[in-house]
Amino acid sequence: MRSKLVVFTMFVVLAMVLAGCGQATPTPAPTPTVAAPALKVGEVTDTGGIDDKTFNATAWKGVQQAIDELGVEGTYLESNQPTDYAKNITEYLNQDYDLIITVGYLLGDDTSTAAAANPDRNFAIVDNAYDPEIANVLALTFSTDQAAFLAGYLAAGMTQTGIVGTFGGMEIPTVTVFMVGFANGVAYYNQQKGTNVQVLGTDTYVGNFDSTDDGRRMGESLMDEGADIIMPVAGPVGVGTAAAVLERGKMMIGVDTDMTVSAPEYKSILLTSVLKNMDVAVFDTIKAVQDGTFKGGTYVGTLENGGVGLAPYNDLDSKVPQELKDEITQLQKDLIAGTVSTGWPVSE
């Protein structure tokens, strides 16, 4: 009888153990976390190079901001000559970059050709637009005529000789728009004030964006003709102009970026700079690709959205009369409201 009880007890215990095993919840193995690969962004410069202190450098600043804030992988390829444009774009295509940013009007054809051949890849181009628009290319354009118009008005109000000057690197739309806007700003000042400030160099181009010697030569020539304020629209060429202007104690207006930051050695003669905030547009484009909201088309930077503007007067602030400062502030409001036109394109 005792043996039967022992057997029965063991049977009950075994049944309870087996029942408990049936209710146990297995612990799953941890799933390894795999970080998503960083977005790859490549910038292709024009022949001015990444250290041009204006155009390419400002676009690169936007890529650098995206590297720091968005964690993207960003690199650049410099174009030493026009034949490098297509080669550099192709290099990024071969490396499966997620976004290729080309910088400058002169890269327009090579960018559109690459985009047509690779419709599943994302492109952006600074300072060029397409008609019709291209589905996988975002054209980053800027109404620099607005900011240049303000600069022309300012120059007309500051000149002591009644003569100001400008010149361009090459005769392309993204250069001439600065020059015409500047000249029309001077003309508007003359209209408002009954003055006759002259603008020299509106049809003058040195044929490149890299020769500081050409910049010096043009600056000296314009000053020899009486200009005491000069606005070069020629990338690094303008650094040569700044050197000549500094020697003669005249004033200069920079373009693309605040030249007191990019070339601080000339801040004592820099009245202002016509800002083309390419870094903001480039950063926003990269973020759109990362967010999955990127689409082709055209972005236009204006005074209203902060895409263009005037830099502070910096070291020359005390030399600008308060009345003129107030007029510039009001003129900006009028341009935004559309009550004043920059005259670009020039009406027939």
C-alpha atoms as a PDB file:
ATOM      1  CA  MET A   1       0.000   0.000   0.000  1.00  0.00           C
ATOM      2  CA  ARG A   2       2.839   2.354   0.897  1.00  0.00           C
ATOM      3  CA  SER A   3       4.531   1.718  -2.469  1.00  0.00           C
ATOM      4  CA  LYS A   4       1.331   2.536  -4.316  1.00  0.00           C
ATOM      5  CA  LEU A   5       1.059   5.849  -2.443  1.00  0.00           C
ATOM      6  CA  VAL A   6       4.613   6.787  -3.311  1.00  0.00           C
ATOM      7  CA  VAL A   7       4.035   6.014  -6.957  1.00  0.00           C
ATOM      8  CA  PHE A   8       0.844   8.069  -6.971  1.00  0.00           C
ATOM      9  CA  THR A   9       2.566  11.023  -5.308  1.00  0.00           C
ATOM     10  CA  MET A  10       5.409  10.977  -7.829  1.00  0.00           C
ATOM     11  CA  PHE A  11       2.873  10.873 -10.631  1.00  0.00           C
ATOM     12  CA  VAL A  12       1.102  13.984  -9.286  1.00  0.00           C
ATOM     13  CA  VAL A  13       4.375  15.901  -8.884  1.00  0.00           C
ATOM     14  CA  LEU A  14       5.483  14.948 -12.390  1.00  0.00           C
ATOM     15  CA  ALA A  15       2.148  16.086 -13.821  1.00  0.00           C
ATOM     16  CA  MET A  16       2.471  19.439 -12.056  1.00  0.00           C
ATOM     17  CA  VAL A  17       6.001  19.907 -13.395  1.00  0.00           C
ATOM     18  CA  LEU A  18       4.917  19.090 -16.923  1.00  0.00           C
ATOM     19  CA  ALA A  19       1.940  21.459 -16.651  1.00  0.00           C
ATOM     20  CA  GLY A  20       4.238  24.238 -15.478  1.00  0.00           C
ATOM     21  CA  CYS A  21       6.576  23.674 -18.407  1.00  0.00           C
ATOM     22  CA  GLY A  22       3.689  23.962 -20.812  1.00  0.00           C
ATOM     23  CA  GLN A  23       2.838  27.476 -19.517  1.00  0.00           C
ATOM     24  CA  ALA A  24       6.362  28.925 -19.658  1.00  0.00           C
ATOM     25  CA  THR A  25       6.908  31.888 -22.101  1.00  0.00           C
ATOM     26  CA  PRO A  26      10.181  31.619 -23.975  1.00  0.00           C
ATOM     27  CA  THR A  27      12.452  34.697 -23.964  1.00  0.00           C
ATOM     28  CA  PRO A  28      13.149  35.808 -27.522  1.00  0.00           C
ATOM     29  CA  ALA A  29      16.733  36.454 -28.586  1.00  0.00           C
ATOM     30  CA  PRO A  30      17.503  40.180 -28.843  1.00  0.00           C
ATOM     31  CA  THR A  31      17.189  41.588 -32.351  1.00  0.00           C
ATOM     32  CA  PRO A  32      20.413  43.308 -33.345  1.00  0.00           C
ATOM     33  CA  THR A  33      19.999  47.030 -34.110  1.00  0.00           C
ATOM     34  CA  VAL A  34      21.306  47.883 -37.542  1.00  0.00           C
ATOM     35  CA  ALA A  35      21.849  51.595 -38.112  1.00  0.00           C
ATOM     36  CA  ALA A  36      20.474  52.916 -41.372  1.00  0.00           C
ATOM     37  CA  PRO A  37      23.281  53.918 -43.708  1.00  0.00           C
ATOM     38  CA  ALA A  38      23.980  57.657 -43.695  1.00  0.00           C
ATOM     39  CA  LEU A  39      22.596  59.673 -46.575  1.00  0.00           C
ATOM     40  CA  LYS A  40      25.394  60.306 -49.082  1.00  0.00           C
ATOM     41  CA  VAL A  41      25.558  63.837 -50.498  1.00  0.00           C
ATOM     42  CA  GLY A  42      28.098  64.994 -53.078  1.00  0.00           C
ATOM     43  CA  GLU A  43      28.801  68.530 -54.278  1.00  0.00           C
ATOM     44  CA  VAL A  44      30.360  69.186 -57.686  1.00  0.00           C
ATOM     45  CA  THR A  45      31.936  72.656 -57.846  1.00  0.00           C
ATOM     46  CA  ASP A  46      32.468  74.861 -60.840  1.00  0.00           C
ATOM     47  CA  THR A  47      35.994  75.938 -61.756  1.00  0.00           C
ATOM     48  CA  GLY A  48      36.123  78.478 -58.925  1.00  0.00           C
ATOM     49  CA  GLY A  49      36.819  75.622 -56.499  1.00  0.00           C
ATOM     50  CA  ILE A  50      35.587  74.879 -52.995  1.00  0.00           C
ATOM     51  CA  ASP A  51      37.664  77.688 -51.436  1.00  0.00           C
ATOM     52  CA  ASP A  52      36.392  80.475 -53.694  1.00  0.00           C
ATOM     53  CA  LYS A  53      35.135  82.322 -50.559  1.00  0.00           C
ATOM     54  CA  THR A  54      31.822  82.998 -52.285  1.00  0.00           C
ATOM     55  CA  PHE A  55      29.813  80.721 -54.538  1.00  0.00           C
ATOM     56  CA  ASN A  56      31.012  77.126 -54.098  1.00  0.00           C
ATOM     57  CA  ALA A  57      32.053  77.739 -50.505  1.00  0.00           C
ATOM     58  CA  THR A  58      28.598  78.985 -49.538  1.00  0.00           C
ATOM     59  CA  ALA A  59      26.908  75.929 -51.057  1.00  0.00           C
ATOM     60  CA  TRP A  60      29.416  73.702 -49.235  1.00  0.00           C
ATOM     61  CA  LYS A  61      28.533  75.447 -45.973  1.00  0.00           C
ATOM     62  CA  GLY A  62      25.018  74.039 -46.386  1.00  0.00           C
ATOM     63  CA  VAL A  63      26.427  70.519 -46.855  1.00  0.00           C
ATOM     64  CA  GLN A  64      28.610  70.947 -43.780  1.00  0.00           C
ATOM     65  CA  GLN A  65      25.596  72.011 -41.742  1.00  0.00           C
ATOM     66  CA  ALA A  66      23.782  68.856 -42.858  1.00  0.00           C
ATOM     67  CA  ILE A  67      26.795  66.745 -41.862  1.00  0.00           C
ATOM     68  CA  ASP A  68      26.745  68.283 -38.374  1.00  0.00           C
ATOM     69  CA  GLU A  69      22.990  68.415 -37.778  1.00  0.00           C
ATOM     70  CA  LEU A  70      21.550  65.592 -39.880  1.00  0.00           C
ATOM     71  CA  GLY A  71      24.387  63.081 -39.752  1.00  0.00           C
ATOM     72  CA  VAL A  72      24.755  62.778 -43.508  1.00  0.00           C
ATOM     73  CA  GLU A  73      27.937  61.810 -45.291  1.00  0.00           C
ATOM     74  CA  GLY A  74      29.059  64.764 -47.418  1.00  0.00           C
ATOM     75  CA  THR A  75      31.940  65.153 -49.841  1.00  0.00           C
ATOM     76  CA  TYR A  76      32.876  67.398 -52.747  1.00  0.00           C
ATOM     77  CA  LEU A  77      34.644  67.073 -56.071  1.00  0.00           C
ATOM     78  CA  GLU A  78      36.332  70.136 -57.542  1.00  0.00           C
ATOM     79  CA  SER A  79      36.129  70.892 -61.240  1.00  0.00           C
ATOM     80  CA  ASN A  80      39.385  72.319 -62.541  1.00  0.00           C
ATOM     81  CA  GLN A  81      38.035  72.716 -66.063  1.00  0.00           C
ATOM     82  CA  PRO A  82      34.598  72.415 -67.724  1.00  0.00           C
ATOM     83  CA  THR A  83      35.331  68.872 -68.937  1.00  0.00           C
ATOM     84  CA  ASP A  84      35.417  67.820 -65.259  1.00  0.00           C
ATOM     85  CA  TYR A  85      31.714  68.564 -64.740  1.00  0.00           C
ATOM     86  CA  ALA A  86      30.341  65.395 -66.341  1.00  0.00           C
ATOM     87  CA  LYS A  87      33.227  63.304 -65.031  1.00  0.00           C
ATOM     88  CA  ASN A  88      32.601  64.355 -61.433  1.00  0.00           C
ATOM     89  CA  ILE A  89      28.846  63.819 -61.683  1.00  0.00           C
ATOM     90  CA  THR A  90      29.487  60.338 -63.086  1.00  0.00           C
ATOM     91  CA  GLU A  91      31.869  59.556 -60.229  1.00  0.00           C
ATOM     92  CA  TYR A  92      29.111  60.246 -57.707  1.00  0.00           C
ATOM     93  CA  LEU A  93      26.627  58.192 -59.712  1.00  0.00           C
ATOM     94  CA  ASN A  94      29.041  55.266 -59.707  1.00  0.00           C
ATOM     95  CA  GLN A  95      29.374  55.565 -55.924  1.00  0.00           C
ATOM     96  CA  ASP A  96      25.576  55.465 -55.463  1.00  0.00           C
ATOM     97  CA  TYR A  97      25.249  58.879 -53.846  1.00  0.00           C
ATOM     98  CA  ASP A  98      21.715  59.741 -52.725  1.00  0.00           C
ATOM     99  CA  LEU A  99      21.896  63.417 -53.738  1.00  0.00           C
ATOM    100  CA  ILE A 100      24.232  65.124 -56.191  1.00  0.00           C
ATOM    101  CA  ILE A 101      24.446  68.916 -55.914  1.00  0.00           C
ATOM    102  CA  THR A 102      26.018  70.768 -58.822  1.00  0.00           C
ATOM    103  CA  VAL A 103      27.019  74.386 -58.348  1.00  0.00           C
ATOM    104  CA  GLY A 104      26.541  76.910 -61.092  1.00  0.00           C
ATOM    105  CA  TYR A 105      24.800  77.761 -64.321  1.00  0.00           C
ATOM    106  CA  LEU A 106      27.666  76.306 -66.344  1.00  0.00           C
ATOM    107  CA  LEU A 107      26.892  72.802 -65.017  1.00  0.00           C
ATOM    108  CA  GLY A 108      23.324  72.981 -66.298  1.00  0.00           C
ATOM    109  CA  ASP A 109      23.658  70.810 -69.389  1.00  0.00           C
ATOM    110  CA  ASP A 110      25.718  68.075 -67.740  1.00  0.00           C
ATOM    111  CA  THR A 111      23.304  67.963 -64.804  1.00  0.00           C
ATOM    112  CA  SER A 112      20.200  67.617 -66.974  1.00  0.00           C
ATOM    113  CA  THR A 113      21.887  64.940 -69.101  1.00  0.00           C
ATOM    114  CA  ALA A 114      22.810  62.890 -66.030  1.00  0.00           C
ATOM    115  CA  ALA A 115      19.353  63.342 -64.512  1.00  0.00           C
ATOM    116  CA  ALA A 116      17.632  62.146 -67.692  1.00  0.00           C
ATOM    117  CA  ALA A 117      19.833  59.052 -67.799  1.00  0.00           C
ATOM    118  CA  ASN A 118      19.266  58.325 -64.084  1.00  0.00           C
ATOM    119  CA  PRO A 119      15.612  59.160 -63.301  1.00  0.00           C
ATOM    120  CA  ASP A 120      15.748  57.306 -59.970  1.00  0.00           C
ATOM    121  CA  ARG A 121      18.542  59.525 -58.602  1.00  0.00           C
ATOM    122  CA  ASN A 122      18.163  62.910 -56.882  1.00  0.00           C
ATOM    123  CA  PHE A 123      19.893  66.046 -58.153  1.00  0.00           C
ATOM    124  CA  ALA A 124      19.954  69.707 -57.185  1.00  0.00           C
ATOM    125  CA  ILE A 125      21.652  72.533 -59.048  1.00  0.00           C
ATOM    126  CA  VAL A 126      22.519  75.946 -57.670  1.00  0.00           C
ATOM    127  CA  ASP A 127      21.798  78.948 -59.875  1.00  0.00           C
ATOM    128  CA  ASN A 128      20.156  77.301 -62.838  1.00  0.00           C
ATOM    129  CA  ALA A 129      16.562  76.563 -63.799  1.00  0.00           C
ATOM    130  CA  TYR A 130      14.974  74.362 -66.451  1.00  0.00           C
ATOM    131  CA  ASP A 131      11.958  74.886 -68.664  1.00  0.00           C
ATOM    132  CA  PRO A 132      10.274  72.508 -68.532  1.00  0.00           C
ATOM    133  CA  GLU A 133      11.211  71.477 -65.008  1.00  0.00           C
ATOM    134  CA  ILE A 134      12.916  68.108 -64.467  1.00  0.00           C
ATOM    135  CA  ALA A 135      11.212  65.655 -62.109  1.00  0.00           C
ATOM    136  CA  ASN A 136      14.380  64.567 -60.278  1.00  0.00           C
ATOM    137  CA  VAL A 137      16.225  67.909 -60.271  1.00  0.00           C
ATOM    138  CA  LEU A 138      15.533  70.730 -57.821  1.00  0.00           C
ATOM    139  CA  ALA A 139      16.733  74.009 -59.306  1.00  0.00           C
ATOM    140  CA  LEU A 140      17.908  76.393 -56.577  1.00  0.00           C
ATOM    141  CA  THR A 141      17.468  79.911 -57.957  1.00  0.00           C
ATOM    142  CA  PHE A 142      17.668  83.319 -56.314  1.00  0.00           C
ATOM    143  CA  SER A 143      16.135  86.722 -56.971  1.00  0.00           C
ATOM    144  CA  THR A 144      19.466  88.443 -56.507  1.00  0.00           C
ATOM    145  CA  ASP A 145      18.173  91.400 -58.500  1.00  0.00           C
ATOM    146  CA  GLN A 146      16.188  92.356 -55.377  1.00  0.00           C
ATOM    147  CA  ALA A 147      19.169  92.488 -53.039  1.00  0.00           C
ATOM    148  CA  ALA A 148      21.403  94.041 -55.733  1.00  0.00           C
ATOM    149  CA  PHE A 149      18.760  96.749 -56.252  1.00  0.00           C
ATOM    150  CA  LEU A 150      19.099  97.649 -52.569  1.00  0.00           C
ATOM    151  CA  ALA A 151      22.894  97.664 -52.946  1.00  0.00           C
ATOM    152  CA  GLY A 152      22.663 100.007 -55.934  1.00  0.00           C
ATOM    153  CA  TYR A 153      20.453 102.404 -54.014  1.00  0.00           C
ATOM    154  CA  LEU A 154      22.890 102.275 -51.097  1.00  0.00           C
ATOM    155  CA  ALA A 155      25.903 102.876 -53.339  1.00  0.00           C
ATOM    156  CA  ALA A 156      24.206 105.853 -54.981  1.00  0.00           C
ATOM    157  CA  GLY A 157      23.536 107.320 -51.561  1.00  0.00           C
ATOM    158  CA  MET A 158      27.124 106.785 -50.384  1.00  0.00           C
ATOM    159  CA  THR A 159      29.263 107.783 -53.372  1.00  0.00           C
ATOM    160  CA  GLN A 160      31.341 110.921 -53.035  1.00  0.00           C
ATOM    161  CA  THR A 161      32.329 111.140 -56.700  1.00  0.00           C
ATOM    162  CA  GLY A 162      28.882 110.507 -58.187  1.00  0.00           C
ATOM    163  CA  ILE A 163      30.317 107.431 -59.985  1.00  0.00           C
ATOM    164  CA  VAL A 164      30.037 103.770 -58.987  1.00  0.00           C
ATOM    165  CA  GLY A 165      31.099 100.634 -60.844  1.00  0.00           C
ATOM    166  CA  THR A 166      30.422  96.956 -61.406  1.00  0.00           C
ATOM    167  CA  PHE A 167      31.687  94.169 -63.671  1.00  0.00           C
ATOM    168  CA  GLY A 168      31.135  90.464 -64.145  1.00  0.00           C
ATOM    169  CA  GLY A 169      33.125  87.282 -64.443  1.00  0.00           C
ATOM    170  CA  MET A 170      31.243  85.891 -67.438  1.00  0.00           C
ATOM    171  CA  GLU A 171      28.185  87.103 -69.324  1.00  0.00           C
ATOM    172  CA  ILE A 172      25.681  84.587 -68.033  1.00  0.00           C
ATOM    173  CA  PRO A 173      22.216  85.266 -66.553  1.00  0.00           C
ATOM    174  CA  THR A 174      23.197  84.558 -62.952  1.00  0.00           C
ATOM    175  CA  VAL A 175      25.886  87.246 -63.196  1.00  0.00           C
ATOM    176  CA  THR A 176      24.063  89.861 -65.242  1.00  0.00           C
ATOM    177  CA  VAL A 177      21.066  89.736 -62.886  1.00  0.00           C
ATOM    178  CA  PHE A 178      23.284  91.201 -60.133  1.00  0.00           C
ATOM    179  CA  MET A 179      24.640  93.908 -62.394  1.00  0.00           C
ATOM    180  CA  VAL A 180      21.306  95.001 -63.829  1.00  0.00           C
ATOM    181  CA  GLY A 181      19.683  94.977 -60.399  1.00  0.00           C
ATOM    182  CA  PHE A 182      22.531  97.139 -59.071  1.00  0.00           C
ATOM    183  CA  ALA A 183      22.308  99.611 -61.962  1.00  0.00           C
ATOM    184  CA  ASN A 184      18.534  99.848 -61.634  1.00  0.00           C
ATOM    185  CA  GLY A 185      18.881 100.515 -57.915  1.00  0.00           C
ATOM    186  CA  VAL A 186      21.152 103.444 -58.726  1.00  0.00           C
ATOM    187  CA  ALA A 187      18.657 104.654 -61.330  1.00  0.00           C
ATOM    188  CA  TYR A 188      15.832 104.444 -58.794  1.00  0.00           C
ATOM    189  CA  TYR A 189      17.874 106.532 -56.353  1.00  0.00           C
ATOM    190  CA  ASN A 190      18.439 109.119 -59.071  1.00  0.00           C
ATOM    191  CA  GLN A 191      14.726 109.162 -59.806  1.00  0.00           C
ATOM    192  CA  GLN A 192      13.814 109.637 -56.163  1.00  0.00           C
ATOM    193  CA  LYS A 193      16.507 112.186 -55.344  1.00  0.00           C
ATOM    194  CA  GLY A 194      16.924 114.099 -58.584  1.00  0.00           C
ATOM    195  CA  THR A 195      20.601 113.107 -58.767  1.00  0.00           C
ATOM    196  CA  ASN A 196      22.726 111.770 -61.627  1.00  0.00           C
ATOM    197  CA  VAL A 197      24.927 109.043 -60.176  1.00  0.00           C
ATOM    198  CA  GLN A 198      26.621 107.132 -62.997  1.00  0.00           C
ATOM    199  CA  VAL A 199      27.248 103.385 -63.170  1.00  0.00           C
ATOM    200  CA  LEU A 200      30.329 102.129 -65.019  1.00  0.00           C
ATOM    201  CA  GLY A 201      31.069  98.587 -66.227  1.00  0.00           C
ATOM    202  CA  THR A 202      27.555  97.228 -66.712  1.00  0.00           C
ATOM    203  CA  ASP A 203      28.638  95.543 -69.967  1.00  0.00           C
ATOM    204  CA  THR A 204      32.140  94.524 -68.823  1.00  0.00           C
ATOM    205  CA  TYR A 205      33.223  90.910 -68.186  1.00  0.00           C
ATOM    206  CA  VAL A 206      36.690  89.534 -67.482  1.00  0.00           C
ATOM    207  CA  GLY A 207      35.881  86.094 -68.903  1.00  0.00           C
ATOM    208  CA  ASN A 208      36.597  83.975 -65.820  1.00  0.00           C
ATOM    209  CA  PHE A 209      35.886  83.478 -62.124  1.00  0.00           C
ATOM    210  CA  ASP A 210      39.354  82.823 -60.762  1.00  0.00           C
ATOM    211  CA  SER A 211      41.930  85.440 -61.824  1.00  0.00           C
ATOM    212  CA  THR A 212      42.591  87.868 -58.998  1.00  0.00           C
ATOM    213  CA  ASP A 213      44.920  89.718 -61.381  1.00  0.00           C
ATOM    214  CA  ASP A 214      41.935  90.453 -63.625  1.00  0.00           C
ATOM    215  CA  GLY A 215      40.032  91.626 -60.572  1.00  0.00           C
ATOM    216  CA  ARG A 216      42.779  94.036 -59.604  1.00  0.00           C
ATOM    217  CA  ARG A 217      43.049  95.334 -63.161  1.00  0.00           C
ATOM    218  CA  MET A 218      39.312  95.965 -63.438  1.00  0.00           C
ATOM    219  CA  GLY A 219      39.161  97.620 -60.033  1.00  0.00           C
ATOM    220  CA  GLU A 220      42.008  99.964 -60.904  1.00  0.00           C
ATOM    221  CA  SER A 221      40.439 100.801 -64.259  1.00  0.00           C
ATOM    222  CA  LEU A 222      37.065 101.661 -62.728  1.00  0.00           C
ATOM    223  CA  MET A 223      38.670 103.765 -60.007  1.00  0.00           C
ATOM    224  CA  ASP A 224      40.764 105.554 -62.627  1.00  0.00           C
ATOM    225  CA  GLU A 225      37.465 106.553 -64.243  1.00  0.00           C
ATOM    226  CA  GLY A 226      36.171 107.960 -60.958  1.00  0.00           C
ATOM    227  CA  ALA A 227      34.292 105.076 -59.345  1.00  0.00           C
ATOM    228  CA  ASP A 228      34.630 105.095 -55.565  1.00  0.00           C
ATOM    229  CA  ILE A 229      32.328 102.110 -54.883  1.00  0.00           C
ATOM    230  CA  ILE A 230      32.667  98.873 -56.901  1.00  0.00           C
ATOM    231  CA  MET A 231      30.617  95.669 -56.936  1.00  0.00           C
ATOM    232  CA  PRO A 232      32.458  92.801 -58.709  1.00  0.00           C
ATOM    233  CA  VAL A 233      30.254  89.832 -59.633  1.00  0.00           C
ATOM    234  CA  ALA A 234      33.025  87.356 -60.359  1.00  0.00           C
ATOM    235  CA  GLY A 235      33.746  85.042 -57.437  1.00  0.00           C
ATOM    236  CA  PRO A 236      37.426  84.994 -56.387  1.00  0.00           C
ATOM    237  CA  VAL A 237      38.183  87.626 -59.045  1.00  0.00           C
ATOM    238  CA  GLY A 238      36.592  90.084 -56.618  1.00  0.00           C
ATOM    239  CA  VAL A 239      39.343  89.445 -54.073  1.00  0.00           C
ATOM    240  CA  GLY A 240      41.786  91.059 -56.489  1.00  0.00           C
ATOM    241  CA  THR A 241      39.465  94.038 -56.773  1.00  0.00           C
ATOM    242  CA  ALA A 242      39.273  94.291 -52.994  1.00  0.00           C
ATOM    243  CA  ALA A 243      43.056  94.488 -52.755  1.00  0.00           C
ATOM    244  CA  ALA A 244      43.134  97.408 -55.191  1.00  0.00           C
ATOM    245  CA  VAL A 245      40.232  99.157 -53.457  1.00  0.00           C
ATOM    246  CA  LEU A 246      41.927  98.798 -50.074  1.00  0.00           C
ATOM    247  CA  GLU A 247      45.108 100.394 -51.414  1.00  0.00           C
ATOM    248  CA  ARG A 248      43.185 103.428 -52.659  1.00  0.00           C
ATOM    249  CA  GLY A 249      40.874 103.767 -49.671  1.00  0.00           C
ATOM    250  CA  LYS A 250      37.643 103.404 -51.644  1.00  0.00           C
ATOM    251  CA  MET A 251      34.669 101.104 -50.915  1.00  0.00           C
ATOM    252  CA  MET A 252      33.460  97.788 -52.269  1.00  0.00           C
ATOM    253  CA  ILE A 253      30.308  95.664 -52.204  1.00  0.00           C
ATOM    254  CA  GLY A 254      30.721  91.882 -52.042  1.00  0.00           C
ATOM    255  CA  VAL A 255      28.427  89.252 -53.524  1.00  0.00           C
ATOM    256  CA  ASP A 256      27.071  85.798 -52.651  1.00  0.00           C
ATOM    257  CA  THR A 257      28.280  85.746 -49.033  1.00  0.00           C
ATOM    258  CA  ASP A 258      29.208  88.330 -46.400  1.00  0.00           C
ATOM    259  CA  MET A 259      32.716  89.169 -47.558  1.00  0.00           C
ATOM    260  CA  THR A 260      33.685  90.507 -44.137  1.00  0.00           C
ATOM    261  CA  VAL A 261      33.448  86.868 -42.999  1.00  0.00           C
ATOM    262  CA  SER A 262      34.920  85.152 -46.055  1.00  0.00           C
ATOM    263  CA  ALA A 263      37.703  87.726 -46.552  1.00  0.00           C
ATOM    264  CA  PRO A 264      37.974  89.647 -43.262  1.00  0.00           C
ATOM    265  CA  GLU A 265      41.225  91.301 -44.279  1.00  0.00           C
ATOM    266  CA  TYR A 266      39.124  93.646 -46.418  1.00  0.00           C
ATOM    267  CA  LYS A 267      36.379  94.447 -43.910  1.00  0.00           C
ATOM    268  CA  SER A 268      37.486  98.069 -43.565  1.00  0.00           C
ATOM    269  CA  ILE A 269      36.430  98.841 -47.167  1.00  0.00           C
ATOM    270  CA  LEU A 270      33.356  96.599 -47.435  1.00  0.00           C
ATOM    271  CA  LEU A 271      30.154  98.641 -47.419  1.00  0.00           C
ATOM    272  CA  THR A 272      27.934  95.532 -47.542  1.00  0.00           C
ATOM    273  CA  SER A 273      27.478  92.313 -49.519  1.00  0.00           C
ATOM    274  CA  VAL A 274      24.628  91.099 -51.694  1.00  0.00           C
ATOM    275  CA  LEU A 275      23.745  87.802 -50.043  1.00  0.00           C
ATOM    276  CA  LYS A 276      22.663  84.731 -51.943  1.00  0.00           C
ATOM    277  CA  ASN A 277      21.878  82.312 -49.125  1.00  0.00           C
ATOM    278  CA  MET A 278      22.728  79.142 -51.002  1.00  0.00           C
ATOM    279  CA  ASP A 279      23.690  77.346 -47.799  1.00  0.00           C
ATOM    280  CA  VAL A 280      20.109  77.585 -46.521  1.00  0.00           C
ATOM    281  CA  ALA A 281      18.671  76.250 -49.786  1.00  0.00           C
ATOM    282  CA  VAL A 282      21.214  73.402 -49.943  1.00  0.00           C
ATOM    283  CA  PHE A 283      20.587  72.363 -46.326  1.00  0.00           C
ATOM    284  CA  ASP A 284      16.809  72.359 -46.839  1.00  0.00           C
ATOM    285  CA  THR A 285      17.231  70.241 -49.978  1.00  0.00           C
ATOM    286  CA  ILE A 286      19.328  67.652 -48.152  1.00  0.00           C
ATOM    287  CA  LYS A 287      16.793  67.513 -45.317  1.00  0.00           C
ATOM    288  CA  ALA A 288      13.987  66.939 -47.839  1.00  0.00           C
ATOM    289  CA  VAL A 289      15.861  63.956 -49.290  1.00  0.00           C
ATOM    290  CA  GLN A 290      16.440  62.560 -45.811  1.00  0.00           C
ATOM    291  CA  ASP A 291      12.771  63.068 -44.879  1.00  0.00           C
ATOM    292  CA  GLY A 292      11.554  61.496 -48.101  1.00  0.00           C
ATOM    293  CA  THR A 293       9.828  64.691 -49.254  1.00  0.00           C
ATOM    294  CA  PHE A 294      12.253  65.664 -52.008  1.00  0.00           C
ATOM    295  CA  LYS A 295      10.835  66.477 -55.423  1.00  0.00           C
ATOM    296  CA  GLY A 296      12.125  68.243 -58.469  1.00  0.00           C
ATOM    297  CA  GLY A 297      11.072  71.691 -59.554  1.00  0.00           C
ATOM    298  CA  THR A 298      12.269  75.196 -58.772  1.00  0.00           C
ATOM    299  CA  TYR A 299      13.095  76.922 -55.500  1.00  0.00           C
ATOM    300  CA  VAL A 300      13.298  80.715 -55.622  1.00  0.00           C
ATOM    301  CA  GLY A 301      15.107  82.593 -52.859  1.00  0.00           C
ATOM    302  CA  THR A 302      13.703  86.093 -52.331  1.00  0.00           C
ATOM    303  CA  LEU A 303      13.878  88.971 -49.887  1.00  0.00           C
ATOM    304  CA  GLU A 304      10.608  87.735 -48.432  1.00  0.00           C
ATOM    305  CA  ASN A 305      11.748  84.182 -47.636  1.00  0.00           C
ATOM    306  CA  GLY A 306      15.310  85.159 -46.699  1.00  0.00           C
ATOM    307  CA  GLY A 307      16.878  83.546 -49.751  1.00  0.00           C
ATOM    308  CA  VAL A 308      18.599  86.838 -50.610  1.00  0.00           C
ATOM    309  CA  GLY A 309      19.425  89.989 -48.668  1.00  0.00           C
ATOM    310  CA  LEU A 310      22.013  92.570 -47.722  1.00  0.00           C
ATOM    311  CA  ALA A 311      24.776  91.899 -45.214  1.00  0.00           C
ATOM    312  CA  PRO A 312      25.239  94.337 -42.301  1.00  0.00           C
ATOM    313  CA  TYR A 313      27.277  97.480 -42.901  1.00  0.00           C
ATOM    314  CA  ASN A 314      29.777  96.138 -40.341  1.00  0.00           C
ATOM    315  CA  ASP A 315      32.858  98.378 -39.964  1.00  0.00           C
ATOM    316  CA  LEU A 316      31.342 101.102 -42.152  1.00  0.00           C
ATOM    317  CA  ASP A 317      28.050 101.233 -40.255  1.00  0.00           C
ATOM    318  CA  SER A 318      28.832 104.596 -38.682  1.00  0.00           C
ATOM    319  CA  LYS A 319      29.486 106.098 -42.120  1.00  0.00           C
ATOM    320  CA  VAL A 320      26.012 105.258 -43.441  1.00  0.00           C
ATOM    321  CA  PRO A 321      23.557 108.059 -42.562  1.00  0.00           C
ATOM    322  CA  GLN A 322      20.540 106.931 -40.550  1.00  0.00           C
ATOM    323  CA  GLU A 323      18.229 108.467 -43.125  1.00  0.00           C
ATOM    324  CA  LEU A 324      19.751 106.286 -45.835  1.00  0.00           C
ATOM    325  CA  LYS A 325      19.505 103.204 -43.604  1.00  0.00           C
ATOM    326  CA  ASP A 326      15.816 103.923 -43.060  1.00  0.00           C
ATOM    327  CA  GLU A 327      15.262 104.348 -46.799  1.00  0.00           C
ATOM    328  CA  ILE A 328      16.914 100.965 -47.465  1.00  0.00           C
ATOM    329  CA  THR A 329      14.693  99.327 -44.846  1.00  0.00           C
ATOM    330  CA  GLN A 330      11.568 100.835 -46.408  1.00  0.00           C
ATOM    331  CA  LEU A 331      12.708  99.976 -49.920  1.00  0.00           C
ATOM    332  CA  GLN A 332      13.083  96.333 -48.912  1.00  0.00           C
ATOM    333  CA  LYS A 333       9.503  96.369 -47.614  1.00  0.00           C
ATOM    334  CA  ASP A 334       8.318  97.961 -50.869  1.00  0.00           C
ATOM    335  CA  LEU A 335      10.095  95.334 -52.970  1.00  0.00           C
ATOM    336  CA  ILE A 336       8.510  92.548 -50.939  1.00  0.00           C
ATOM    337  CA  ALA A 337       5.086  94.169 -51.237  1.00  0.00           C
ATOM    338  CA  GLY A 338       5.568  94.649 -54.985  1.00  0.00           C
ATOM    339  CA  THR A 339       5.013  98.403 -54.865  1.00  0.00           C
ATOM    340  CA  VAL A 340       8.517  98.900 -56.275  1.00  0.00           C
ATOM    341  CA  SER A 341       9.966  96.801 -59.111  1.00  0.00           C
ATOM    342  CA  THR A 342      13.628  96.022 -59.606  1.00  0.00           C
ATOM    343  CA  GLY A 343      13.177  96.413 -63.345  1.00  0.00           C
ATOM    344  CA  TRP A 344      14.540  92.916 -64.062  1.00  0.00           C
ATOM    345  CA  PRO A 345      14.036  91.842 -66.790  1.00  0.00           C
ATOM    346  CA  VAL A 346      14.303  95.361 -68.133  1.00  0.00           C
ATOM    347  CA  SER A 347      10.981  96.442 -69.622  1.00  0.00           C
ATOM    348  CA  GLU A 348      11.008  97.430 -73.260  1.00  0.00           C
END
